[in-house]
Amino acid sequence: MSSTPEYARLSVAPMMDWTDRHERFFLRRISAHVQLYSEMVTTGAILHGPRDRLLAFDPAEHPVALQLGGSDPAALAECARIGADLGYDEINLNVGCPSDRVQSGRFGACLMGEPALVAASVAAMRAAVAVPVTVKHRIAIDEMPEWETLIGFVDRVADVGCDRFIVHARKAWLEGLSPKENRELPPLQYGLVRRLKEERPALHITINGGVESLDDAVAHLACVDGGMLGRAAYQNPYVLAEADRRVFGADTPVHTRHEIIDAYCNHIARETSAGTHLMAMTRHILGLFNGLPGARAFRRHLSENTPGFDGTPDEAVALVRQAASLVRDGRRVAA
């Protein structure tokens, strides 16, 4: 059986431009146990770019995984080693992104058509690190037959020792659809992912795609090992508020939204002291009060006052708390 850690039962997907270290720190104020992922980072960026900035994370983010983009086994192995040495709990290979830019670099979803290369890459990564190496992928690409492609791909990669697969339950079309359309237009095929678990019970299988709520994730856990939320957790992060209790059985309090803001303000004060722009942090909290009276005023106050902000850390914290106060009483607060 897979030796998968308990935290893999629920995770938040790696999302470019979204799941940076500030977003991950923020989500950790909501749930202590849900697994978090970095944005995809390419091997080239790690080997030749500002590594410290790209891979930085706070110890409070654990459990946290580093997602890599690439197709050269040696480069992936070296980047996996770097990530593991920095303390990431898991190294994940992106075989699901269908964007033209990613395809041009020969990584992402196009690698579904090269299972032998993916297997070689995973084998090299596993040889380089002691932490789990996992793969996030689609069901199939383009005109490839769904089930035959899925089971063939998973079997080939499992042969080199990988036992955790995160399956976005859609095909990816490499031409004719944008990345956004590829997330929405190809039909969800949860049945194939469930069949994969049934036929390969020793593998840990996580469903991704169309998981819009904690209820959705919990329902999937009846058939597979893990549920992964994507944009739903970004647009309405409070969806994770009861995750620790409902998914992990933890006897921990459910924090109110305002308690979460108060905790995040400590991060804001520390980061603005270090020169981080306020908007880099507040952009991640805009959806926290979704559905509550005053939520629009909260978003507007932050959107109007954080661009160009050049105040002190105390002023940054005051601005955020002032925005949150609009949800309490609905009053408009002057900038």
C-alpha atoms as a PDB file:
ATOM      1  CA  MET A   1       0.000   0.000   0.000  1.00  0.00           C
ATOM      2  CA  SER A   2       1.016   3.608  -0.467  1.00  0.00           C
ATOM      3  CA  SER A   3       2.823   5.150   2.494  1.00  0.00           C
ATOM      4  CA  THR A   4       1.054   8.440   1.944  1.00  0.00           C
ATOM      5  CA  PRO A   5       0.935  10.889   4.858  1.00  0.00           C
ATOM      6  CA  GLU A   6      -2.428  11.778   6.335  1.00  0.00           C
ATOM      7  CA  TYR A   7      -2.199  15.395   5.173  1.00  0.00           C
ATOM      8  CA  ALA A   8      -2.549  14.299   1.536  1.00  0.00           C
ATOM      9  CA  ARG A   9      -6.264  13.648   2.109  1.00  0.00           C
ATOM     10  CA  LEU A  10      -6.965  17.301   1.297  1.00  0.00           C
ATOM     11  CA  SER A  11      -4.805  19.761  -0.594  1.00  0.00           C
ATOM     12  CA  VAL A  12      -4.872  23.075  -2.410  1.00  0.00           C
ATOM     13  CA  ALA A  13      -3.640  22.874  -5.982  1.00  0.00           C
ATOM     14  CA  PRO A  14      -0.507  24.563  -7.288  1.00  0.00           C
ATOM     15  CA  MET A  15      -1.665  27.631  -9.239  1.00  0.00           C
ATOM     16  CA  MET A  16       0.556  29.967 -11.205  1.00  0.00           C
ATOM     17  CA  ASP A  17       0.519  33.553  -9.898  1.00  0.00           C
ATOM     18  CA  TRP A  18      -1.631  32.500  -6.961  1.00  0.00           C
ATOM     19  CA  THR A  19      -0.097  29.963  -4.579  1.00  0.00           C
ATOM     20  CA  ASP A  20       2.963  31.987  -3.660  1.00  0.00           C
ATOM     21  CA  ARG A  21       4.398  32.042  -0.150  1.00  0.00           C
ATOM     22  CA  HIS A  22       2.001  34.772   1.044  1.00  0.00           C
ATOM     23  CA  GLU A  23      -1.047  32.846  -0.111  1.00  0.00           C
ATOM     24  CA  ARG A  24       0.239  29.676   1.511  1.00  0.00           C
ATOM     25  CA  PHE A  25       0.947  31.453   4.801  1.00  0.00           C
ATOM     26  CA  PHE A  26      -2.551  32.942   4.693  1.00  0.00           C
ATOM     27  CA  LEU A  27      -4.227  29.577   4.040  1.00  0.00           C
ATOM     28  CA  ARG A  28      -2.294  28.074   6.914  1.00  0.00           C
ATOM     29  CA  ARG A  29      -4.033  30.586   9.211  1.00  0.00           C
ATOM     30  CA  ILE A  30      -7.287  28.850   8.184  1.00  0.00           C
ATOM     31  CA  SER A  31      -6.261  25.187   8.231  1.00  0.00           C
ATOM     32  CA  ALA A  32      -3.363  23.631  10.106  1.00  0.00           C
ATOM     33  CA  HIS A  33      -3.439  20.358   8.171  1.00  0.00           C
ATOM     34  CA  VAL A  34      -4.394  20.833   4.517  1.00  0.00           C
ATOM     35  CA  GLN A  35      -1.460  20.207   2.186  1.00  0.00           C
ATOM     36  CA  LEU A  36      -0.223  23.268   0.289  1.00  0.00           C
ATOM     37  CA  TYR A  37       1.667  23.471  -3.001  1.00  0.00           C
ATOM     38  CA  SER A  38       3.976  26.045  -4.484  1.00  0.00           C
ATOM     39  CA  GLU A  39       3.381  27.576  -7.843  1.00  0.00           C
ATOM     40  CA  MET A  40       5.045  25.583 -10.604  1.00  0.00           C
ATOM     41  CA  VAL A  41       8.726  26.528 -10.761  1.00  0.00           C
ATOM     42  CA  THR A  42      10.714  25.494 -13.822  1.00  0.00           C
ATOM     43  CA  THR A  43      14.040  23.758 -13.561  1.00  0.00           C
ATOM     44  CA  GLY A  44      15.637  26.545 -15.571  1.00  0.00           C
ATOM     45  CA  ALA A  45      14.409  29.185 -13.141  1.00  0.00           C
ATOM     46  CA  ILE A  46      15.794  27.280 -10.167  1.00  0.00           C
ATOM     47  CA  LEU A  47      19.149  26.463 -11.726  1.00  0.00           C
ATOM     48  CA  HIS A  48      19.757  29.867 -13.293  1.00  0.00           C
ATOM     49  CA  GLY A  49      17.435  32.327 -11.538  1.00  0.00           C
ATOM     50  CA  PRO A  50      16.907  33.918  -8.113  1.00  0.00           C
ATOM     51  CA  ARG A  51      16.564  30.626  -6.258  1.00  0.00           C
ATOM     52  CA  ASP A  52      16.201  32.129  -2.794  1.00  0.00           C
ATOM     53  CA  ARG A  53      13.239  34.247  -3.868  1.00  0.00           C
ATOM     54  CA  LEU A  54      11.569  31.536  -5.957  1.00  0.00           C
ATOM     55  CA  LEU A  55      11.733  28.803  -3.345  1.00  0.00           C
ATOM     56  CA  ALA A  56      11.351  30.742  -0.095  1.00  0.00           C
ATOM     57  CA  PHE A  57       8.736  29.546   2.355  1.00  0.00           C
ATOM     58  CA  ASP A  58       7.912  29.972   6.013  1.00  0.00           C
ATOM     59  CA  PRO A  59       8.238  26.934   8.306  1.00  0.00           C
ATOM     60  CA  ALA A  60       4.628  27.558   9.307  1.00  0.00           C
ATOM     61  CA  GLU A  61       3.565  26.462   5.815  1.00  0.00           C
ATOM     62  CA  HIS A  62       4.316  22.765   6.422  1.00  0.00           C
ATOM     63  CA  PRO A  63       3.139  20.447   4.987  1.00  0.00           C
ATOM     64  CA  VAL A  64       4.140  22.122   1.716  1.00  0.00           C
ATOM     65  CA  ALA A  65       5.144  20.667  -1.650  1.00  0.00           C
ATOM     66  CA  LEU A  66       7.320  22.102  -4.397  1.00  0.00           C
ATOM     67  CA  GLN A  67       5.934  21.652  -7.902  1.00  0.00           C
ATOM     68  CA  LEU A  68       8.536  21.452 -10.659  1.00  0.00           C
ATOM     69  CA  GLY A  69       8.157  22.005 -14.383  1.00  0.00           C
ATOM     70  CA  GLY A  70      10.655  20.363 -16.679  1.00  0.00           C
ATOM     71  CA  SER A  71      11.498  17.265 -18.681  1.00  0.00           C
ATOM     72  CA  ASP A  72      15.238  16.758 -18.296  1.00  0.00           C
ATOM     73  CA  PRO A  73      15.764  14.001 -15.722  1.00  0.00           C
ATOM     74  CA  ALA A  74      19.130  15.310 -14.539  1.00  0.00           C
ATOM     75  CA  ALA A  75      17.859  18.877 -14.106  1.00  0.00           C
ATOM     76  CA  LEU A  76      14.720  17.670 -12.341  1.00  0.00           C
ATOM     77  CA  ALA A  77      16.800  15.517 -10.009  1.00  0.00           C
ATOM     78  CA  GLU A  78      19.021  18.456  -9.095  1.00  0.00           C
ATOM     79  CA  CYS A  79      16.042  20.742  -8.502  1.00  0.00           C
ATOM     80  CA  ALA A  80      14.311  18.069  -6.445  1.00  0.00           C
ATOM     81  CA  ARG A  81      17.437  17.795  -4.300  1.00  0.00           C
ATOM     82  CA  ILE A  82      17.529  21.575  -3.850  1.00  0.00           C
ATOM     83  CA  GLY A  83      13.865  21.618  -2.826  1.00  0.00           C
ATOM     84  CA  ALA A  84      14.256  18.747  -0.401  1.00  0.00           C
ATOM     85  CA  ASP A  85      17.360  20.320   1.131  1.00  0.00           C
ATOM     86  CA  LEU A  86      15.349  23.494   1.722  1.00  0.00           C
ATOM     87  CA  GLY A  87      12.770  21.482   3.634  1.00  0.00           C
ATOM     88  CA  TYR A  88       9.883  20.909   1.216  1.00  0.00           C
ATOM     89  CA  ASP A  89       7.824  17.903   2.272  1.00  0.00           C
ATOM     90  CA  GLU A  90       7.155  16.650  -1.250  1.00  0.00           C
ATOM     91  CA  ILE A  91       8.379  17.213  -4.794  1.00  0.00           C
ATOM     92  CA  ASN A  92       5.672  17.185  -7.465  1.00  0.00           C
ATOM     93  CA  LEU A  93       6.107  16.996 -11.229  1.00  0.00           C
ATOM     94  CA  ASN A  94       3.723  19.020 -13.401  1.00  0.00           C
ATOM     95  CA  VAL A  95       2.295  16.879 -16.209  1.00  0.00           C
ATOM     96  CA  GLY A  96      -0.994  18.749 -16.397  1.00  0.00           C
ATOM     97  CA  CYS A  97      -0.503  22.349 -17.540  1.00  0.00           C
ATOM     98  CA  PRO A  98      -1.558  22.761 -21.202  1.00  0.00           C
ATOM     99  CA  SER A  99      -0.390  26.331 -21.905  1.00  0.00           C
ATOM    100  CA  ASP A 100       1.521  27.105 -25.091  1.00  0.00           C
ATOM    101  CA  ARG A 101       4.421  28.523 -23.102  1.00  0.00           C
ATOM    102  CA  VAL A 102       4.732  25.379 -21.043  1.00  0.00           C
ATOM    103  CA  GLN A 103       4.462  23.161 -24.115  1.00  0.00           C
ATOM    104  CA  SER A 104       7.213  25.112 -25.829  1.00  0.00           C
ATOM    105  CA  GLY A 105       9.505  24.131 -22.963  1.00  0.00           C
ATOM    106  CA  ARG A 106       8.503  20.473 -23.345  1.00  0.00           C
ATOM    107  CA  PHE A 107       6.851  20.099 -19.988  1.00  0.00           C
ATOM    108  CA  GLY A 108       3.363  20.088 -18.551  1.00  0.00           C
ATOM    109  CA  ALA A 109       0.473  18.193 -20.135  1.00  0.00           C
ATOM    110  CA  CYS A 110       2.327  17.407 -23.359  1.00  0.00           C
ATOM    111  CA  LEU A 111       4.377  14.903 -21.339  1.00  0.00           C
ATOM    112  CA  MET A 112       1.281  12.699 -21.087  1.00  0.00           C
ATOM    113  CA  GLY A 113       2.388  11.611 -24.553  1.00  0.00           C
ATOM    114  CA  GLU A 114       5.842  10.641 -23.263  1.00  0.00           C
ATOM    115  CA  PRO A 115       5.296   8.330 -20.290  1.00  0.00           C
ATOM    116  CA  ALA A 116       8.771   6.803 -20.614  1.00  0.00           C
ATOM    117  CA  LEU A 117      10.357  10.240 -20.213  1.00  0.00           C
ATOM    118  CA  VAL A 118       8.156  11.015 -17.217  1.00  0.00           C
ATOM    119  CA  ALA A 119       9.125   7.681 -15.677  1.00  0.00           C
ATOM    120  CA  ALA A 120      12.818   8.404 -16.233  1.00  0.00           C
ATOM    121  CA  SER A 121      12.390  11.845 -14.680  1.00  0.00           C
ATOM    122  CA  VAL A 122      10.558  10.499 -11.644  1.00  0.00           C
ATOM    123  CA  ALA A 123      13.154   7.762 -11.195  1.00  0.00           C
ATOM    124  CA  ALA A 124      15.944  10.349 -11.230  1.00  0.00           C
ATOM    125  CA  MET A 125      14.094  12.577  -8.768  1.00  0.00           C
ATOM    126  CA  ARG A 126      13.377   9.681  -6.418  1.00  0.00           C
ATOM    127  CA  ALA A 127      17.029   8.700  -6.466  1.00  0.00           C
ATOM    128  CA  ALA A 128      18.007  12.243  -5.469  1.00  0.00           C
ATOM    129  CA  VAL A 129      15.676  12.783  -2.495  1.00  0.00           C
ATOM    130  CA  ALA A 130      14.178  11.002   0.488  1.00  0.00           C
ATOM    131  CA  VAL A 131      10.862  12.909   0.424  1.00  0.00           C
ATOM    132  CA  PRO A 132       7.916  11.692  -1.689  1.00  0.00           C
ATOM    133  CA  VAL A 133       7.960  12.408  -5.426  1.00  0.00           C
ATOM    134  CA  THR A 134       4.472  12.717  -6.906  1.00  0.00           C
ATOM    135  CA  VAL A 135       2.943  13.489 -10.294  1.00  0.00           C
ATOM    136  CA  LYS A 136       0.017  15.768 -11.160  1.00  0.00           C
ATOM    137  CA  HIS A 137      -1.431  14.986 -14.573  1.00  0.00           C
ATOM    138  CA  ARG A 138      -4.492  14.864 -16.807  1.00  0.00           C
ATOM    139  CA  ILE A 139      -6.523  11.850 -17.925  1.00  0.00           C
ATOM    140  CA  ALA A 140      -5.200  12.123 -21.477  1.00  0.00           C
ATOM    141  CA  ILE A 141      -4.405  14.682 -24.162  1.00  0.00           C
ATOM    142  CA  ASP A 142      -6.001  15.492 -27.508  1.00  0.00           C
ATOM    143  CA  GLU A 143      -7.404  12.462 -29.334  1.00  0.00           C
ATOM    144  CA  MET A 144      -5.670   9.898 -27.148  1.00  0.00           C
ATOM    145  CA  PRO A 145      -8.118   7.331 -25.691  1.00  0.00           C
ATOM    146  CA  GLU A 146      -8.931   8.270 -22.122  1.00  0.00           C
ATOM    147  CA  TRP A 147      -8.768   5.050 -20.123  1.00  0.00           C
ATOM    148  CA  GLU A 148      -5.968   3.423 -22.074  1.00  0.00           C
ATOM    149  CA  THR A 149      -3.857   6.571 -21.803  1.00  0.00           C
ATOM    150  CA  LEU A 150      -4.564   7.053 -18.103  1.00  0.00           C
ATOM    151  CA  ILE A 151      -3.847   3.508 -16.979  1.00  0.00           C
ATOM    152  CA  GLY A 152      -0.852   3.163 -19.284  1.00  0.00           C
ATOM    153  CA  PHE A 153       0.686   6.410 -18.051  1.00  0.00           C
ATOM    154  CA  VAL A 154       0.147   5.633 -14.378  1.00  0.00           C
ATOM    155  CA  ASP A 155       1.455   2.077 -14.703  1.00  0.00           C
ATOM    156  CA  ARG A 156       4.604   3.233 -16.478  1.00  0.00           C
ATOM    157  CA  VAL A 157       5.381   5.836 -13.811  1.00  0.00           C
ATOM    158  CA  ALA A 158       4.398   3.535 -10.939  1.00  0.00           C
ATOM    159  CA  ASP A 159       6.905   0.988 -12.262  1.00  0.00           C
ATOM    160  CA  VAL A 160       9.744   3.272 -11.092  1.00  0.00           C
ATOM    161  CA  GLY A 161       8.301   3.562  -7.585  1.00  0.00           C
ATOM    162  CA  CYS A 162       5.909   6.520  -7.693  1.00  0.00           C
ATOM    163  CA  ASP A 163       2.816   5.703  -5.663  1.00  0.00           C
ATOM    164  CA  ARG A 164       1.005   9.047  -5.518  1.00  0.00           C
ATOM    165  CA  PHE A 165      -0.872  10.493  -8.475  1.00  0.00           C
ATOM    166  CA  ILE A 166      -2.986  13.651  -8.555  1.00  0.00           C
ATOM    167  CA  VAL A 167      -5.380  13.368 -11.468  1.00  0.00           C
ATOM    168  CA  HIS A 168      -7.083  16.395 -12.984  1.00  0.00           C
ATOM    169  CA  ALA A 169     -10.158  14.537 -14.169  1.00  0.00           C
ATOM    170  CA  ARG A 170     -10.250  16.092 -17.627  1.00  0.00           C
ATOM    171  CA  LYS A 171      -8.504  15.680 -20.918  1.00  0.00           C
ATOM    172  CA  ALA A 172      -6.190  18.490 -21.985  1.00  0.00           C
ATOM    173  CA  TRP A 173      -6.332  19.832 -25.523  1.00  0.00           C
ATOM    174  CA  LEU A 174      -2.922  21.127 -26.503  1.00  0.00           C
ATOM    175  CA  GLU A 175      -4.262  23.213 -29.382  1.00  0.00           C
ATOM    176  CA  GLY A 176      -7.477  25.168 -29.768  1.00  0.00           C
ATOM    177  CA  LEU A 177      -8.206  25.816 -26.093  1.00  0.00           C
ATOM    178  CA  SER A 178      -6.697  28.355 -23.718  1.00  0.00           C
ATOM    179  CA  PRO A 179      -5.515  27.233 -20.276  1.00  0.00           C
ATOM    180  CA  LYS A 180      -8.727  28.671 -18.805  1.00  0.00           C
ATOM    181  CA  GLU A 181     -10.858  26.797 -21.342  1.00  0.00           C
ATOM    182  CA  ASN A 182      -8.891  23.630 -20.628  1.00  0.00           C
ATOM    183  CA  ARG A 183      -9.938  23.969 -16.984  1.00  0.00           C
ATOM    184  CA  GLU A 184     -13.600  24.302 -17.867  1.00  0.00           C
ATOM    185  CA  LEU A 185     -14.626  22.897 -21.257  1.00  0.00           C
ATOM    186  CA  PRO A 186     -13.367  19.300 -21.376  1.00  0.00           C
ATOM    187  CA  PRO A 187     -15.901  17.251 -19.412  1.00  0.00           C
ATOM    188  CA  LEU A 188     -15.016  15.992 -15.967  1.00  0.00           C
ATOM    189  CA  GLN A 189     -14.570  12.228 -15.906  1.00  0.00           C
ATOM    190  CA  TYR A 190     -14.489  11.319 -12.251  1.00  0.00           C
ATOM    191  CA  GLY A 191     -15.529   7.774 -13.091  1.00  0.00           C
ATOM    192  CA  LEU A 192     -12.192   7.104 -14.749  1.00  0.00           C
ATOM    193  CA  VAL A 193     -10.286   8.322 -11.695  1.00  0.00           C
ATOM    194  CA  ARG A 194     -12.392   6.133  -9.424  1.00  0.00           C
ATOM    195  CA  ARG A 195     -11.790   3.196 -11.743  1.00  0.00           C
ATOM    196  CA  LEU A 196      -8.065   3.878 -11.541  1.00  0.00           C
ATOM    197  CA  LYS A 197      -8.245   3.588  -7.755  1.00  0.00           C
ATOM    198  CA  GLU A 198     -10.305   0.409  -7.997  1.00  0.00           C
ATOM    199  CA  GLU A 199      -7.872  -1.251 -10.382  1.00  0.00           C
ATOM    200  CA  ARG A 200      -4.720   0.035  -8.677  1.00  0.00           C
ATOM    201  CA  PRO A 201      -5.704   0.018  -4.983  1.00  0.00           C
ATOM    202  CA  ALA A 202      -2.091   0.164  -3.756  1.00  0.00           C
ATOM    203  CA  LEU A 203      -1.647   3.624  -5.282  1.00  0.00           C
ATOM    204  CA  HIS A 204      -2.696   6.859  -3.584  1.00  0.00           C
ATOM    205  CA  ILE A 205      -5.044   8.639  -5.985  1.00  0.00           C
ATOM    206  CA  THR A 206      -6.169  12.249  -5.539  1.00  0.00           C
ATOM    207  CA  ILE A 207      -8.962  13.820  -7.584  1.00  0.00           C
ATOM    208  CA  ASN A 208      -8.568  17.363  -8.878  1.00  0.00           C
ATOM    209  CA  GLY A 209     -10.823  19.390 -11.150  1.00  0.00           C
ATOM    210  CA  GLY A 210     -14.257  20.756 -10.357  1.00  0.00           C
ATOM    211  CA  VAL A 211     -13.827  20.324  -6.589  1.00  0.00           C
ATOM    212  CA  GLU A 212     -15.665  23.453  -5.501  1.00  0.00           C
ATOM    213  CA  SER A 213     -16.303  22.916  -1.806  1.00  0.00           C
ATOM    214  CA  LEU A 214     -15.289  20.960   1.251  1.00  0.00           C
ATOM    215  CA  ASP A 215     -18.426  18.872   0.754  1.00  0.00           C
ATOM    216  CA  ASP A 216     -17.195  17.949  -2.733  1.00  0.00           C
ATOM    217  CA  ALA A 217     -13.796  16.926  -1.398  1.00  0.00           C
ATOM    218  CA  VAL A 218     -15.279  14.843   1.414  1.00  0.00           C
ATOM    219  CA  ALA A 219     -17.594  13.082  -1.045  1.00  0.00           C
ATOM    220  CA  HIS A 220     -14.627  12.114  -3.226  1.00  0.00           C
ATOM    221  CA  LEU A 221     -12.873  10.594  -0.210  1.00  0.00           C
ATOM    222  CA  ALA A 222     -15.440   7.804  -0.262  1.00  0.00           C
ATOM    223  CA  CYS A 223     -13.905   6.564  -3.530  1.00  0.00           C
ATOM    224  CA  VAL A 224     -10.321   7.853  -3.708  1.00  0.00           C
ATOM    225  CA  ASP A 225      -7.594   8.819  -1.269  1.00  0.00           C
ATOM    226  CA  GLY A 226      -7.475  12.588  -1.644  1.00  0.00           C
ATOM    227  CA  GLY A 227      -9.332  15.641  -2.861  1.00  0.00           C
ATOM    228  CA  MET A 228      -7.618  18.728  -4.236  1.00  0.00           C
ATOM    229  CA  LEU A 229      -9.328  22.112  -4.380  1.00  0.00           C
ATOM    230  CA  GLY A 230      -8.140  24.689  -6.875  1.00  0.00           C
ATOM    231  CA  ARG A 231      -9.562  28.111  -7.582  1.00  0.00           C
ATOM    232  CA  ALA A 232     -12.432  27.596  -5.162  1.00  0.00           C
ATOM    233  CA  ALA A 233      -9.946  27.768  -2.291  1.00  0.00           C
ATOM    234  CA  TYR A 234      -8.478  30.975  -3.670  1.00  0.00           C
ATOM    235  CA  GLN A 235     -11.724  32.747  -4.465  1.00  0.00           C
ATOM    236  CA  ASN A 236     -13.402  31.691  -1.210  1.00  0.00           C
ATOM    237  CA  PRO A 237     -10.606  30.616   1.163  1.00  0.00           C
ATOM    238  CA  TYR A 238     -12.942  30.194   4.117  1.00  0.00           C
ATOM    239  CA  VAL A 239     -14.096  27.002   2.399  1.00  0.00           C
ATOM    240  CA  LEU A 240     -11.199  25.424   4.326  1.00  0.00           C
ATOM    241  CA  ALA A 241     -12.404  26.586   7.749  1.00  0.00           C
ATOM    242  CA  GLU A 242     -13.759  23.201   8.844  1.00  0.00           C
ATOM    243  CA  ALA A 243     -11.218  21.070   6.977  1.00  0.00           C
ATOM    244  CA  ASP A 244      -9.171  20.161  10.037  1.00  0.00           C
ATOM    245  CA  ARG A 245     -12.205  18.790  11.836  1.00  0.00           C
ATOM    246  CA  ARG A 246     -14.085  17.192   8.943  1.00  0.00           C
ATOM    247  CA  VAL A 247     -11.202  15.736   6.944  1.00  0.00           C
ATOM    248  CA  PHE A 248      -8.440  15.202   9.491  1.00  0.00           C
ATOM    249  CA  GLY A 249     -10.457  14.598  12.655  1.00  0.00           C
ATOM    250  CA  ALA A 250      -8.537  17.286  14.511  1.00  0.00           C
ATOM    251  CA  ASP A 251     -10.026  18.792  17.649  1.00  0.00           C
ATOM    252  CA  THR A 252      -9.040  22.331  16.742  1.00  0.00           C
ATOM    253  CA  PRO A 253     -11.152  25.481  16.880  1.00  0.00           C
ATOM    254  CA  VAL A 254     -12.620  26.952  13.720  1.00  0.00           C
ATOM    255  CA  HIS A 255     -11.223  30.459  13.500  1.00  0.00           C
ATOM    256  CA  THR A 256     -13.480  33.339  12.563  1.00  0.00           C
ATOM    257  CA  ARG A 257     -12.593  35.404   9.525  1.00  0.00           C
ATOM    258  CA  HIS A 258     -11.572  38.315  11.708  1.00  0.00           C
ATOM    259  CA  GLU A 259      -9.313  36.083  13.794  1.00  0.00           C
ATOM    260  CA  ILE A 260      -7.675  34.976  10.560  1.00  0.00           C
ATOM    261  CA  ILE A 261      -7.131  38.596   9.541  1.00  0.00           C
ATOM    262  CA  ASP A 262      -5.592  39.360  12.933  1.00  0.00           C
ATOM    263  CA  ALA A 263      -3.182  36.429  12.590  1.00  0.00           C
ATOM    264  CA  TYR A 264      -2.275  37.380   9.022  1.00  0.00           C
ATOM    265  CA  CYS A 265      -1.541  40.936  10.114  1.00  0.00           C
ATOM    266  CA  ASN A 266       1.514  39.627  11.966  1.00  0.00           C
ATOM    267  CA  HIS A 267       2.813  38.367   8.622  1.00  0.00           C
ATOM    268  CA  ILE A 268       1.987  41.696   6.986  1.00  0.00           C
ATOM    269  CA  ALA A 269       3.907  43.638   9.627  1.00  0.00           C
ATOM    270  CA  ARG A 270       6.931  41.390   9.350  1.00  0.00           C
ATOM    271  CA  GLU A 271       6.973  41.380   5.553  1.00  0.00           C
ATOM    272  CA  THR A 272       6.434  45.104   5.065  1.00  0.00           C
ATOM    273  CA  SER A 273       9.340  45.658   7.453  1.00  0.00           C
ATOM    274  CA  ALA A 274      11.422  43.542   5.058  1.00  0.00           C
ATOM    275  CA  GLY A 275      10.323  45.583   2.037  1.00  0.00           C
ATOM    276  CA  THR A 276       7.518  43.408   0.655  1.00  0.00           C
ATOM    277  CA  HIS A 277       4.809  45.453  -1.054  1.00  0.00           C
ATOM    278  CA  LEU A 278       1.525  45.423   0.819  1.00  0.00           C
ATOM    279  CA  MET A 279      -0.545  44.529  -2.234  1.00  0.00           C
ATOM    280  CA  ALA A 280       1.535  41.363  -2.741  1.00  0.00           C
ATOM    281  CA  MET A 281      -0.059  40.124   0.472  1.00  0.00           C
ATOM    282  CA  THR A 282      -3.519  41.679   0.475  1.00  0.00           C
ATOM    283  CA  ARG A 283      -4.418  40.408  -3.007  1.00  0.00           C
ATOM    284  CA  HIS A 284      -4.737  36.939  -1.493  1.00  0.00           C
ATOM    285  CA  ILE A 285      -7.314  37.882   1.136  1.00  0.00           C
ATOM    286  CA  LEU A 286      -9.871  39.622  -1.085  1.00  0.00           C
ATOM    287  CA  GLY A 287     -12.187  36.601  -1.070  1.00  0.00           C
ATOM    288  CA  LEU A 288     -12.114  35.919   2.667  1.00  0.00           C
ATOM    289  CA  PHE A 289     -15.427  37.642   3.411  1.00  0.00           C
ATOM    290  CA  ASN A 290     -17.263  36.514   0.271  1.00  0.00           C
ATOM    291  CA  GLY A 291     -20.999  36.346   0.818  1.00  0.00           C
ATOM    292  CA  LEU A 292     -21.047  38.538   3.914  1.00  0.00           C
ATOM    293  CA  PRO A 293     -22.478  42.057   4.218  1.00  0.00           C
ATOM    294  CA  GLY A 294     -19.633  44.480   3.721  1.00  0.00           C
ATOM    295  CA  ALA A 295     -17.470  42.106   1.666  1.00  0.00           C
ATOM    296  CA  ARG A 296     -17.548  44.409  -1.336  1.00  0.00           C
ATOM    297  CA  ALA A 297     -16.541  47.392   0.793  1.00  0.00           C
ATOM    298  CA  PHE A 298     -13.675  45.323   2.226  1.00  0.00           C
ATOM    299  CA  ARG A 299     -12.390  44.484  -1.244  1.00  0.00           C
ATOM    300  CA  ARG A 300     -12.824  48.033  -2.477  1.00  0.00           C
ATOM    301  CA  HIS A 301     -10.982  49.534   0.477  1.00  0.00           C
ATOM    302  CA  LEU A 302      -7.992  47.275  -0.114  1.00  0.00           C
ATOM    303  CA  SER A 303      -8.054  47.712  -3.885  1.00  0.00           C
ATOM    304  CA  GLU A 304      -8.163  51.497  -3.617  1.00  0.00           C
ATOM    305  CA  ASN A 305      -5.543  51.907  -0.901  1.00  0.00           C
ATOM    306  CA  THR A 306      -2.876  49.244  -1.378  1.00  0.00           C
ATOM    307  CA  PRO A 307      -1.521  50.173  -4.849  1.00  0.00           C
ATOM    308  CA  GLY A 308       1.381  52.523  -4.286  1.00  0.00           C
ATOM    309  CA  PHE A 309       1.212  52.103  -0.511  1.00  0.00           C
ATOM    310  CA  ASP A 310       4.446  53.391   1.041  1.00  0.00           C
ATOM    311  CA  GLY A 311       3.633  53.533   4.727  1.00  0.00           C
ATOM    312  CA  THR A 312       5.064  51.924   7.833  1.00  0.00           C
ATOM    313  CA  PRO A 313       4.315  48.351   8.923  1.00  0.00           C
ATOM    314  CA  ASP A 314       1.948  49.695  11.579  1.00  0.00           C
ATOM    315  CA  GLU A 315       0.122  51.727   8.937  1.00  0.00           C
ATOM    316  CA  ALA A 316      -0.111  48.666   6.696  1.00  0.00           C
ATOM    317  CA  VAL A 317      -1.689  46.643   9.474  1.00  0.00           C
ATOM    318  CA  ALA A 318      -4.056  49.495  10.327  1.00  0.00           C
ATOM    319  CA  LEU A 319      -5.166  49.702   6.700  1.00  0.00           C
ATOM    320  CA  VAL A 320      -6.015  45.997   6.575  1.00  0.00           C
ATOM    321  CA  ARG A 321      -7.829  46.068   9.902  1.00  0.00           C
ATOM    322  CA  GLN A 322      -9.738  49.134   8.797  1.00  0.00           C
ATOM    323  CA  ALA A 323     -10.871  47.259   5.692  1.00  0.00           C
ATOM    324  CA  ALA A 324     -11.951  44.268   7.783  1.00  0.00           C
ATOM    325  CA  SER A 325     -13.939  46.524  10.106  1.00  0.00           C
ATOM    326  CA  LEU A 326     -16.250  47.321   7.194  1.00  0.00           C
ATOM    327  CA  VAL A 327     -17.564  43.793   7.346  1.00  0.00           C
ATOM    328  CA  ARG A 328     -18.365  44.148  11.025  1.00  0.00           C
ATOM    329  CA  ASP A 329     -20.511  47.245  10.758  1.00  0.00           C
ATOM    330  CA  GLY A 330     -20.772  48.059   7.043  1.00  0.00           C
ATOM    331  CA  ARG A 331     -19.565  51.626   7.468  1.00  0.00           C
ATOM    332  CA  ARG A 332     -17.396  53.310   4.862  1.00  0.00           C
ATOM    333  CA  VAL A 333     -14.002  54.166   6.352  1.00  0.00           C
ATOM    334  CA  ALA A 334     -12.071  57.080   4.905  1.00  0.00           C
ATOM    335  CA  ALA A 335      -8.675  56.282   3.435  1.00  0.00           C
END
